[in-house]
Amino acid sequence: MSAPTSLLYLDTLLCLRQHDNPFDADSPYLLLFAGQPGPQPQADVVRITSRHWHNRTRSGRLHLVNSWVHHDVRPTSVLLVAMLEQNWQLDLNDAALDSLRRAMQTRWSHFVRRMASASLPLAAQHAFKRQLQCLLRNDALIQIRPLPLSTLHGALPALNFSGLGARYRASFHTRRLQAAGLTLA
């Protein structure tokens, strides 16, 4: 019997400082890599965005999100969050996101079969960054941060992103599912 899973939610996104002209607004988005080791390793990449963020994010702007972002968080999960800013058209459209997802699934499966568990987060982070750099043409990668699973039910440590003159903070929480019937705890 597998361990009960938890749902992952994004609570807030706060723009601490944008790099553009003070009268301009940014269009941030997040990418979540979720890897699960095991005999049949699983990996996924999810784009997290909102129309309310597009050209509306300025220094000091807090977005209250409280949105579900992933369905299978376990004690052994490796979670990485990439903060990006869209310039012009979205570089990681649906086709590019599918390509990134397939590449990361392949890399993750390779890592799980050949590496010790302690090495997986760093290997996944390097592969995630390399794959993103291959796909980005205009959008800016601010930073990739691991999301530590301090609990499977409750608030997780906030992530601070800093790079290219921009600073953001994202907060997440998990909500445990009961093993029998998968109902919310």
N, C-alpha and C. Protein backbone atom coordinates (compact mmCIF):
# COMPACT_ATOMS: atom_id res chain seq x y z
N MET A 1 0.84 -1.18 0.00
CA MET A 1 0.00 0.00 0.00
C MET A 1 0.89 1.24 0.00
N SER A 2 0.62 2.17 -0.89
CA SER A 2 1.45 3.37 -0.97
C SER A 2 1.05 4.38 0.10
N ALA A 3 1.98 5.26 0.41
CA ALA A 3 1.75 6.28 1.44
C ALA A 3 0.66 7.24 0.98
N PRO A 4 -0.12 7.79 1.94
CA PRO A 4 -1.12 8.78 1.55
C PRO A 4 -0.46 9.98 0.90
N THR A 5 -1.12 10.53 -0.07
CA THR A 5 -0.57 11.69 -0.77
C THR A 5 -1.18 12.96 -0.22
N SER A 6 -0.56 14.06 -0.60
CA SER A 6 -1.06 15.39 -0.25
C SER A 6 -1.20 16.21 -1.51
N LEU A 7 -2.08 17.18 -1.46
CA LEU A 7 -2.23 18.15 -2.53
C LEU A 7 -1.33 19.34 -2.23
N LEU A 8 -0.80 19.96 -3.27
CA LEU A 8 0.05 21.13 -3.11
C LEU A 8 -0.71 22.36 -3.62
N TYR A 9 -0.71 23.42 -2.82
CA TYR A 9 -1.38 24.67 -3.17
C TYR A 9 -0.39 25.82 -3.15
N LEU A 10 -0.58 26.76 -4.07
CA LEU A 10 0.13 28.03 -4.03
C LEU A 10 -0.79 29.01 -3.30
N ASP A 11 -0.30 29.60 -2.22
CA ASP A 11 -1.11 30.53 -1.44
C ASP A 11 -1.00 31.96 -1.95
N THR A 12 0.24 32.46 -2.04
CA THR A 12 0.44 33.86 -2.43
C THR A 12 1.66 33.98 -3.33
N LEU A 13 1.64 35.03 -4.12
CA LEU A 13 2.80 35.43 -4.90
C LEU A 13 2.98 36.93 -4.66
N LEU A 14 4.13 37.29 -4.14
CA LEU A 14 4.43 38.68 -3.81
C LEU A 14 5.60 39.15 -4.65
N CYS A 15 5.40 40.25 -5.37
CA CYS A 15 6.50 40.87 -6.11
C CYS A 15 7.17 41.86 -5.16
N LEU A 16 8.37 41.56 -4.73
CA LEU A 16 9.10 42.45 -3.83
C LEU A 16 9.75 43.59 -4.59
N ARG A 17 10.26 43.27 -5.79
CA ARG A 17 10.88 44.30 -6.63
C ARG A 17 10.89 43.81 -8.07
N GLN A 18 10.49 44.67 -8.96
CA GLN A 18 10.57 44.33 -10.38
C GLN A 18 11.78 45.03 -10.97
N HIS A 19 12.25 44.54 -12.08
CA HIS A 19 13.45 45.10 -12.69
C HIS A 19 13.14 46.14 -13.75
N ASP A 20 11.90 46.26 -14.14
CA ASP A 20 11.54 47.20 -15.20
C ASP A 20 11.31 48.60 -14.64
N ASN A 21 11.05 49.50 -15.53
CA ASN A 21 10.66 50.86 -15.22
C ASN A 21 9.53 50.84 -14.19
N PRO A 22 9.51 51.74 -13.20
CA PRO A 22 8.48 51.69 -12.16
C PRO A 22 7.04 51.79 -12.69
N PHE A 23 6.87 52.29 -13.90
CA PHE A 23 5.53 52.42 -14.45
C PHE A 23 5.11 51.19 -15.25
N ASP A 24 6.04 50.29 -15.49
CA ASP A 24 5.74 49.06 -16.21
C ASP A 24 5.30 47.99 -15.22
N ALA A 25 4.62 47.00 -15.74
CA ALA A 25 4.23 45.85 -14.93
C ALA A 25 4.82 44.59 -15.57
N ASP A 26 5.09 43.60 -14.73
CA ASP A 26 5.66 42.35 -15.21
C ASP A 26 4.58 41.29 -15.33
N SER A 27 4.94 40.20 -15.98
CA SER A 27 4.06 39.05 -16.17
C SER A 27 4.78 37.80 -15.67
N PRO A 28 4.79 37.58 -14.35
CA PRO A 28 5.49 36.42 -13.81
C PRO A 28 4.70 35.13 -14.00
N TYR A 29 5.41 34.03 -13.99
CA TYR A 29 4.78 32.72 -13.91
C TYR A 29 5.76 31.76 -13.26
N LEU A 30 5.24 30.65 -12.78
CA LEU A 30 6.04 29.65 -12.10
C LEU A 30 5.94 28.34 -12.86
N LEU A 31 7.00 27.55 -12.76
CA LEU A 31 6.98 26.17 -13.24
C LEU A 31 7.32 25.29 -12.06
N LEU A 32 6.53 24.26 -11.85
CA LEU A 32 6.77 23.30 -10.78
C LEU A 32 7.21 21.99 -11.38
N PHE A 33 8.38 21.51 -10.95
CA PHE A 33 8.81 20.15 -11.27
C PHE A 33 8.51 19.31 -10.04
N ALA A 34 7.79 18.20 -10.23
CA ALA A 34 7.50 17.28 -9.14
C ALA A 34 7.99 15.90 -9.55
N GLY A 35 8.97 15.39 -8.84
CA GLY A 35 9.53 14.07 -9.13
C GLY A 35 9.30 13.12 -7.97
N GLN A 36 8.87 11.92 -8.29
CA GLN A 36 8.64 10.90 -7.28
C GLN A 36 9.53 9.70 -7.60
N PRO A 37 10.52 9.41 -6.72
CA PRO A 37 11.37 8.24 -6.96
C PRO A 37 10.60 6.95 -6.66
N GLY A 38 11.17 5.86 -7.00
CA GLY A 38 10.57 4.56 -6.73
C GLY A 38 10.84 3.60 -7.87
N PRO A 39 10.28 2.40 -7.78
CA PRO A 39 10.50 1.41 -8.83
C PRO A 39 10.00 1.89 -10.20
N GLN A 40 8.93 2.67 -10.20
CA GLN A 40 8.43 3.28 -11.42
C GLN A 40 8.40 4.79 -11.20
N PRO A 41 9.54 5.46 -11.42
CA PRO A 41 9.64 6.88 -11.12
C PRO A 41 8.63 7.68 -11.95
N GLN A 42 8.11 8.72 -11.32
CA GLN A 42 7.16 9.60 -11.99
C GLN A 42 7.66 11.03 -11.88
N ALA A 43 7.40 11.81 -12.93
CA ALA A 43 7.77 13.22 -12.92
C ALA A 43 6.74 14.01 -13.71
N ASP A 44 6.57 15.25 -13.31
CA ASP A 44 5.63 16.13 -13.99
C ASP A 44 6.17 17.55 -13.92
N VAL A 45 5.78 18.37 -14.89
CA VAL A 45 6.09 19.80 -14.88
C VAL A 45 4.77 20.52 -15.11
N VAL A 46 4.47 21.47 -14.22
CA VAL A 46 3.21 22.20 -14.26
C VAL A 46 3.51 23.69 -14.36
N ARG A 47 2.80 24.38 -15.26
CA ARG A 47 2.92 25.84 -15.36
C ARG A 47 1.86 26.45 -14.46
N ILE A 48 2.28 27.43 -13.64
CA ILE A 48 1.38 28.10 -12.73
C ILE A 48 1.34 29.58 -13.11
N THR A 49 0.19 30.04 -13.54
CA THR A 49 0.05 31.43 -13.96
C THR A 49 -1.38 31.88 -13.73
N SER A 50 -1.61 33.14 -13.92
CA SER A 50 -2.95 33.68 -13.78
C SER A 50 -3.08 34.90 -14.69
N ARG A 51 -4.24 35.09 -15.24
CA ARG A 51 -4.47 36.28 -16.06
C ARG A 51 -4.35 37.53 -15.21
N HIS A 52 -4.55 37.40 -13.90
CA HIS A 52 -4.44 38.55 -12.99
C HIS A 52 -2.98 38.97 -12.76
N TRP A 53 -2.02 38.12 -13.14
CA TRP A 53 -0.62 38.47 -13.00
C TRP A 53 -0.09 39.14 -14.26
N HIS A 54 -0.70 38.85 -15.40
CA HIS A 54 -0.19 39.28 -16.70
C HIS A 54 -0.25 40.81 -16.84
N ASN A 55 0.93 41.42 -16.95
CA ASN A 55 1.07 42.88 -17.06
C ASN A 55 0.43 43.64 -15.90
N ARG A 56 0.31 42.98 -14.75
CA ARG A 56 -0.30 43.63 -13.58
C ARG A 56 0.56 43.49 -12.33
N THR A 57 1.75 42.99 -12.46
CA THR A 57 2.59 42.74 -11.29
C THR A 57 3.66 43.81 -11.19
N ARG A 58 3.60 44.57 -10.11
CA ARG A 58 4.54 45.65 -9.84
C ARG A 58 5.17 45.42 -8.48
N SER A 59 6.23 46.15 -8.20
CA SER A 59 6.87 46.06 -6.88
C SER A 59 5.83 46.29 -5.79
N GLY A 60 5.85 45.40 -4.79
CA GLY A 60 4.93 45.51 -3.67
C GLY A 60 3.57 44.88 -3.90
N ARG A 61 3.31 44.37 -5.08
CA ARG A 61 1.99 43.80 -5.39
C ARG A 61 1.90 42.37 -4.86
N LEU A 62 0.88 42.12 -4.06
CA LEU A 62 0.61 40.80 -3.50
C LEU A 62 -0.57 40.18 -4.24
N HIS A 63 -0.38 38.97 -4.73
CA HIS A 63 -1.47 38.23 -5.37
C HIS A 63 -1.88 37.11 -4.42
N LEU A 64 -3.12 37.12 -3.99
CA LEU A 64 -3.67 36.04 -3.18
C LEU A 64 -4.18 34.98 -4.13
N VAL A 65 -3.58 33.82 -4.08
CA VAL A 65 -3.85 32.82 -5.09
C VAL A 65 -4.72 31.69 -4.55
N ASN A 66 -4.25 31.01 -3.51
CA ASN A 66 -4.92 29.84 -2.92
C ASN A 66 -5.43 28.89 -4.00
N SER A 67 -4.51 28.43 -4.82
CA SER A 67 -4.86 27.58 -5.96
C SER A 67 -4.10 26.26 -5.90
N TRP A 68 -4.82 25.18 -6.21
CA TRP A 68 -4.23 23.85 -6.26
C TRP A 68 -3.27 23.78 -7.43
N VAL A 69 -2.06 23.22 -7.20
CA VAL A 69 -1.08 23.14 -8.27
C VAL A 69 -0.56 21.73 -8.56
N HIS A 70 -0.66 20.82 -7.58
CA HIS A 70 -0.22 19.44 -7.85
C HIS A 70 -0.95 18.49 -6.92
N HIS A 71 -1.15 17.25 -7.41
CA HIS A 71 -2.01 16.29 -6.72
C HIS A 71 -1.30 15.16 -5.99
N ASP A 72 -0.01 15.00 -6.12
CA ASP A 72 0.64 13.82 -5.56
C ASP A 72 1.97 14.19 -4.90
N VAL A 73 1.88 14.72 -3.69
CA VAL A 73 3.07 15.08 -2.93
C VAL A 73 3.24 14.05 -1.83
N ARG A 74 4.42 13.45 -1.79
CA ARG A 74 4.73 12.39 -0.82
C ARG A 74 6.00 12.76 -0.05
N PRO A 75 6.29 12.08 1.02
CA PRO A 75 7.50 12.41 1.79
C PRO A 75 8.78 12.36 0.97
N THR A 76 8.81 11.53 -0.07
CA THR A 76 10.02 11.37 -0.88
C THR A 76 10.02 12.24 -2.14
N SER A 77 8.98 13.04 -2.32
CA SER A 77 8.88 13.88 -3.52
C SER A 77 10.01 14.89 -3.58
N VAL A 78 10.48 15.16 -4.79
CA VAL A 78 11.42 16.25 -5.05
C VAL A 78 10.64 17.32 -5.79
N LEU A 79 10.55 18.50 -5.18
CA LEU A 79 9.80 19.61 -5.76
C LEU A 79 10.76 20.77 -6.04
N LEU A 80 10.71 21.27 -7.27
CA LEU A 80 11.50 22.42 -7.68
C LEU A 80 10.56 23.45 -8.27
N VAL A 81 10.77 24.71 -7.91
CA VAL A 81 9.93 25.79 -8.43
C VAL A 81 10.82 26.78 -9.17
N ALA A 82 10.47 27.04 -10.42
CA ALA A 82 11.18 28.02 -11.24
C ALA A 82 10.31 29.27 -11.35
N MET A 83 10.90 30.43 -11.09
CA MET A 83 10.21 31.72 -11.26
C MET A 83 10.69 32.32 -12.57
N LEU A 84 9.74 32.69 -13.43
CA LEU A 84 10.06 33.29 -14.72
C LEU A 84 9.22 34.53 -14.94
N GLU A 85 9.69 35.39 -15.83
CA GLU A 85 8.91 36.54 -16.26
C GLU A 85 8.73 36.47 -17.76
N GLN A 86 7.48 36.60 -18.18
CA GLN A 86 7.15 36.55 -19.60
C GLN A 86 7.47 37.90 -20.25
N ASN A 87 8.12 37.84 -21.38
CA ASN A 87 8.37 39.01 -22.21
C ASN A 87 7.75 38.74 -23.57
N TRP A 88 6.92 39.62 -24.04
CA TRP A 88 6.21 39.46 -25.30
C TRP A 88 5.31 38.24 -25.24
N GLN A 89 5.57 37.24 -26.07
CA GLN A 89 4.74 36.03 -26.06
C GLN A 89 5.34 35.00 -25.11
N LEU A 90 4.48 34.17 -24.55
CA LEU A 90 4.90 33.13 -23.62
C LEU A 90 5.80 32.11 -24.33
N ASP A 91 7.05 31.98 -23.87
CA ASP A 91 7.98 31.00 -24.46
C ASP A 91 7.52 29.57 -24.19
N LEU A 92 7.03 29.34 -22.98
CA LEU A 92 6.64 27.98 -22.61
C LEU A 92 5.15 27.79 -22.82
N ASN A 93 4.75 27.86 -24.10
CA ASN A 93 3.36 27.59 -24.46
C ASN A 93 3.10 26.10 -24.25
N ASP A 94 1.91 25.64 -24.59
CA ASP A 94 1.56 24.25 -24.31
C ASP A 94 2.50 23.25 -24.98
N ALA A 95 2.88 23.48 -26.23
CA ALA A 95 3.78 22.56 -26.92
C ALA A 95 5.16 22.52 -26.27
N ALA A 96 5.69 23.68 -25.91
CA ALA A 96 7.00 23.74 -25.25
C ALA A 96 6.93 23.11 -23.86
N LEU A 97 5.81 23.32 -23.17
CA LEU A 97 5.65 22.72 -21.84
C LEU A 97 5.61 21.20 -21.95
N ASP A 98 4.92 20.67 -22.96
CA ASP A 98 4.90 19.21 -23.18
C ASP A 98 6.30 18.68 -23.47
N SER A 99 7.07 19.41 -24.25
CA SER A 99 8.45 19.03 -24.56
C SER A 99 9.30 19.02 -23.28
N LEU A 100 9.15 20.05 -22.47
CA LEU A 100 9.88 20.13 -21.20
C LEU A 100 9.48 18.98 -20.28
N ARG A 101 8.20 18.71 -20.21
CA ARG A 101 7.69 17.62 -19.35
C ARG A 101 8.29 16.28 -19.78
N ARG A 102 8.27 15.99 -21.09
CA ARG A 102 8.82 14.72 -21.58
C ARG A 102 10.33 14.62 -21.30
N ALA A 103 11.05 15.71 -21.53
CA ALA A 103 12.50 15.70 -21.29
C ALA A 103 12.79 15.46 -19.81
N MET A 104 12.04 16.11 -18.93
CA MET A 104 12.28 15.94 -17.50
C MET A 104 11.85 14.55 -17.02
N GLN A 105 10.82 13.98 -17.61
CA GLN A 105 10.43 12.61 -17.24
C GLN A 105 11.55 11.63 -17.60
N THR A 106 12.14 11.82 -18.77
CA THR A 106 13.25 10.96 -19.21
C THR A 106 14.45 11.13 -18.30
N ARG A 107 14.83 12.38 -18.03
CA ARG A 107 15.99 12.65 -17.18
C ARG A 107 15.76 12.10 -15.76
N TRP A 108 14.56 12.34 -15.23
CA TRP A 108 14.25 11.90 -13.86
C TRP A 108 14.33 10.37 -13.75
N SER A 109 13.78 9.68 -14.70
CA SER A 109 13.83 8.22 -14.70
C SER A 109 15.28 7.74 -14.73
N HIS A 110 16.10 8.39 -15.54
CA HIS A 110 17.52 8.06 -15.61
C HIS A 110 18.20 8.31 -14.26
N PHE A 111 17.93 9.45 -13.65
CA PHE A 111 18.56 9.78 -12.36
C PHE A 111 18.17 8.78 -11.28
N VAL A 112 16.88 8.46 -11.19
CA VAL A 112 16.39 7.57 -10.13
C VAL A 112 17.03 6.20 -10.24
N ARG A 113 17.25 5.74 -11.44
CA ARG A 113 17.82 4.40 -11.63
C ARG A 113 19.33 4.37 -11.37
N ARG A 114 20.00 5.52 -11.44
CA ARG A 114 21.46 5.51 -11.38
C ARG A 114 22.07 6.29 -10.21
N MET A 115 21.25 6.99 -9.42
CA MET A 115 21.81 7.85 -8.37
C MET A 115 21.23 7.52 -7.00
N ALA A 116 21.99 7.89 -5.99
CA ALA A 116 21.49 7.79 -4.62
C ALA A 116 20.41 8.85 -4.41
N SER A 117 19.47 8.57 -3.54
CA SER A 117 18.35 9.48 -3.27
C SER A 117 18.81 10.88 -2.90
N ALA A 118 19.89 10.98 -2.15
CA ALA A 118 20.38 12.29 -1.70
C ALA A 118 20.86 13.15 -2.87
N SER A 119 21.24 12.55 -3.97
CA SER A 119 21.74 13.28 -5.14
C SER A 119 20.63 13.73 -6.09
N LEU A 120 19.44 13.20 -5.93
CA LEU A 120 18.35 13.47 -6.88
C LEU A 120 17.95 14.94 -6.98
N PRO A 121 17.77 15.66 -5.86
CA PRO A 121 17.33 17.06 -5.99
C PRO A 121 18.29 17.93 -6.80
N LEU A 122 19.57 17.81 -6.54
CA LEU A 122 20.55 18.64 -7.25
C LEU A 122 20.63 18.25 -8.73
N ALA A 123 20.62 16.96 -9.02
CA ALA A 123 20.66 16.50 -10.41
C ALA A 123 19.42 16.99 -11.16
N ALA A 124 18.26 16.90 -10.52
CA ALA A 124 17.02 17.36 -11.16
C ALA A 124 17.06 18.87 -11.38
N GLN A 125 17.60 19.61 -10.43
CA GLN A 125 17.66 21.06 -10.56
C GLN A 125 18.56 21.47 -11.74
N HIS A 126 19.70 20.82 -11.87
CA HIS A 126 20.59 21.13 -13.00
C HIS A 126 19.93 20.78 -14.33
N ALA A 127 19.28 19.63 -14.39
CA ALA A 127 18.62 19.21 -15.64
C ALA A 127 17.46 20.15 -15.97
N PHE A 128 16.70 20.56 -14.97
CA PHE A 128 15.57 21.48 -15.15
C PHE A 128 16.06 22.81 -15.72
N LYS A 129 17.15 23.32 -15.16
CA LYS A 129 17.70 24.59 -15.64
C LYS A 129 18.19 24.47 -17.08
N ARG A 130 18.91 23.39 -17.38
CA ARG A 130 19.41 23.19 -18.75
C ARG A 130 18.26 23.09 -19.76
N GLN A 131 17.23 22.33 -19.40
CA GLN A 131 16.09 22.17 -20.30
C GLN A 131 15.37 23.50 -20.51
N LEU A 132 15.22 24.27 -19.44
CA LEU A 132 14.57 25.59 -19.56
C LEU A 132 15.39 26.51 -20.46
N GLN A 133 16.69 26.54 -20.26
CA GLN A 133 17.53 27.42 -21.07
C GLN A 133 17.45 27.09 -22.56
N CYS A 134 17.21 25.84 -22.88
CA CYS A 134 17.06 25.44 -24.29
C CYS A 134 15.75 25.95 -24.88
N LEU A 135 14.74 26.13 -24.05
CA LEU A 135 13.41 26.51 -24.54
C LEU A 135 13.12 28.01 -24.47
N LEU A 136 13.84 28.73 -23.62
CA LEU A 136 13.55 30.15 -23.44
C LEU A 136 14.20 30.98 -24.54
N ARG A 137 13.41 31.86 -25.12
CA ARG A 137 13.91 32.77 -26.14
C ARG A 137 13.82 34.21 -25.66
N ASN A 138 12.69 34.59 -25.10
CA ASN A 138 12.48 35.95 -24.63
C ASN A 138 12.24 36.02 -23.12
N ASP A 139 11.58 35.01 -22.58
CA ASP A 139 11.25 35.03 -21.16
C ASP A 139 12.51 34.95 -20.32
N ALA A 140 12.43 35.52 -19.12
CA ALA A 140 13.59 35.56 -18.23
C ALA A 140 13.41 34.55 -17.10
N LEU A 141 14.41 33.71 -16.90
CA LEU A 141 14.44 32.80 -15.76
C LEU A 141 15.03 33.57 -14.59
N ILE A 142 14.23 33.80 -13.56
CA ILE A 142 14.70 34.53 -12.38
C ILE A 142 15.55 33.59 -11.52
N GLN A 143 14.97 32.45 -11.12
CA GLN A 143 15.70 31.52 -10.27
C GLN A 143 14.90 30.22 -10.13
N ILE A 144 15.60 29.12 -9.85
CA ILE A 144 14.97 27.84 -9.52
C ILE A 144 15.31 27.54 -8.07
N ARG A 145 14.28 27.21 -7.29
CA ARG A 145 14.48 26.90 -5.87
C ARG A 145 13.82 25.57 -5.53
N PRO A 146 14.47 24.76 -4.69
CA PRO A 146 13.81 23.56 -4.19
C PRO A 146 12.73 23.96 -3.17
N LEU A 147 11.61 23.27 -3.19
CA LEU A 147 10.54 23.50 -2.23
C LEU A 147 10.63 22.41 -1.17
N PRO A 148 11.12 22.75 0.03
CA PRO A 148 11.28 21.72 1.06
C PRO A 148 9.93 21.27 1.61
N LEU A 149 9.79 19.96 1.77
CA LEU A 149 8.57 19.40 2.33
C LEU A 149 8.73 19.26 3.84
N SER A 150 8.46 20.32 4.55
CA SER A 150 8.57 20.28 6.00
C SER A 150 7.36 19.61 6.63
N THR A 151 6.26 19.54 5.89
CA THR A 151 5.04 18.89 6.36
C THR A 151 4.23 18.45 5.15
N LEU A 152 3.40 17.44 5.36
CA LEU A 152 2.49 17.02 4.30
C LEU A 152 1.08 17.56 4.54
N HIS A 153 0.92 18.38 5.58
CA HIS A 153 -0.36 19.03 5.85
C HIS A 153 -0.10 20.33 6.60
N GLY A 154 -0.13 21.42 5.87
CA GLY A 154 0.11 22.72 6.48
C GLY A 154 1.03 23.58 5.63
N ALA A 155 1.42 24.71 6.20
CA ALA A 155 2.25 25.69 5.49
C ALA A 155 3.67 25.16 5.28
N LEU A 156 4.20 25.44 4.10
CA LEU A 156 5.59 25.12 3.78
C LEU A 156 6.41 26.40 3.87
N PRO A 157 7.73 26.28 4.00
CA PRO A 157 8.56 27.50 4.04
C PRO A 157 8.39 28.32 2.76
N ALA A 158 8.28 29.63 2.91
CA ALA A 158 8.15 30.51 1.74
C ALA A 158 9.42 30.45 0.92
N LEU A 159 9.28 30.58 -0.39
CA LEU A 159 10.42 30.60 -1.30
C LEU A 159 10.68 32.03 -1.74
N ASN A 160 11.92 32.47 -1.62
CA ASN A 160 12.34 33.78 -2.11
C ASN A 160 13.13 33.57 -3.40
N PHE A 161 12.75 34.32 -4.43
CA PHE A 161 13.42 34.25 -5.72
C PHE A 161 14.09 35.58 -5.98
N SER A 162 15.33 35.55 -6.43
CA SER A 162 16.06 36.78 -6.69
C SER A 162 16.98 36.58 -7.88
N GLY A 163 16.91 37.50 -8.82
CA GLY A 163 17.78 37.43 -9.99
C GLY A 163 17.33 38.40 -11.05
N LEU A 164 18.25 38.83 -11.88
CA LEU A 164 17.96 39.73 -12.99
C LEU A 164 17.24 41.00 -12.52
N GLY A 165 17.55 41.46 -11.32
CA GLY A 165 16.95 42.69 -10.81
C GLY A 165 15.54 42.52 -10.29
N ALA A 166 15.03 41.31 -10.22
CA ALA A 166 13.66 41.08 -9.74
C ALA A 166 13.71 40.21 -8.48
N ARG A 167 12.74 40.45 -7.60
CA ARG A 167 12.63 39.64 -6.38
C ARG A 167 11.16 39.30 -6.14
N TYR A 168 10.92 38.04 -5.84
CA TYR A 168 9.57 37.54 -5.59
C TYR A 168 9.59 36.64 -4.36
N ARG A 169 8.41 36.46 -3.76
CA ARG A 169 8.23 35.48 -2.67
C ARG A 169 6.95 34.71 -2.97
N ALA A 170 7.03 33.39 -2.89
CA ALA A 170 5.87 32.53 -3.11
C ALA A 170 5.68 31.66 -1.87
N SER A 171 4.43 31.53 -1.44
CA SER A 171 4.16 30.66 -0.30
C SER A 171 3.20 29.55 -0.73
N PHE A 172 3.46 28.37 -0.20
CA PHE A 172 2.71 27.17 -0.54
C PHE A 172 2.22 26.48 0.72
N HIS A 173 1.23 25.62 0.58
CA HIS A 173 0.85 24.72 1.65
C HIS A 173 0.42 23.38 1.06
N THR A 174 0.43 22.35 1.90
CA THR A 174 -0.02 21.04 1.49
C THR A 174 -1.27 20.68 2.29
N ARG A 175 -2.07 19.84 1.70
CA ARG A 175 -3.27 19.34 2.38
C ARG A 175 -3.30 17.84 2.16
N ARG A 176 -3.25 17.10 3.26
CA ARG A 176 -3.18 15.64 3.20
C ARG A 176 -4.51 15.03 2.75
N LEU A 177 -4.38 13.96 2.00
CA LEU A 177 -5.55 13.16 1.62
C LEU A 177 -5.55 11.91 2.48
N GLN A 178 -6.72 11.47 2.87
CA GLN A 178 -6.82 10.21 3.63
C GLN A 178 -6.62 9.07 2.67
N ALA A 179 -5.95 8.01 3.14
CA ALA A 179 -5.66 6.86 2.28
C ALA A 179 -6.93 6.17 1.80
N ALA A 180 -7.90 6.02 2.64
CA ALA A 180 -9.15 5.34 2.26
C ALA A 180 -10.08 6.33 1.59
N GLY A 181 -10.32 6.18 0.33
CA GLY A 181 -11.27 7.00 -0.38
C GLY A 181 -10.72 8.33 -0.85
N LEU A 182 -9.48 8.67 -0.49
CA LEU A 182 -8.85 9.90 -0.91
C LEU A 182 -9.73 11.13 -0.68
N THR A 183 -10.19 11.29 0.54
CA THR A 183 -10.95 12.48 0.90
C THR A 183 -10.04 13.43 1.66
N LEU A 184 -10.33 14.70 1.60
CA LEU A 184 -9.50 15.69 2.28
C LEU A 184 -9.52 15.49 3.78
N ALA A 185 -8.33 15.63 4.39
CA ALA A 185 -8.23 15.50 5.85
C ALA A 185 -8.56 16.82 6.51
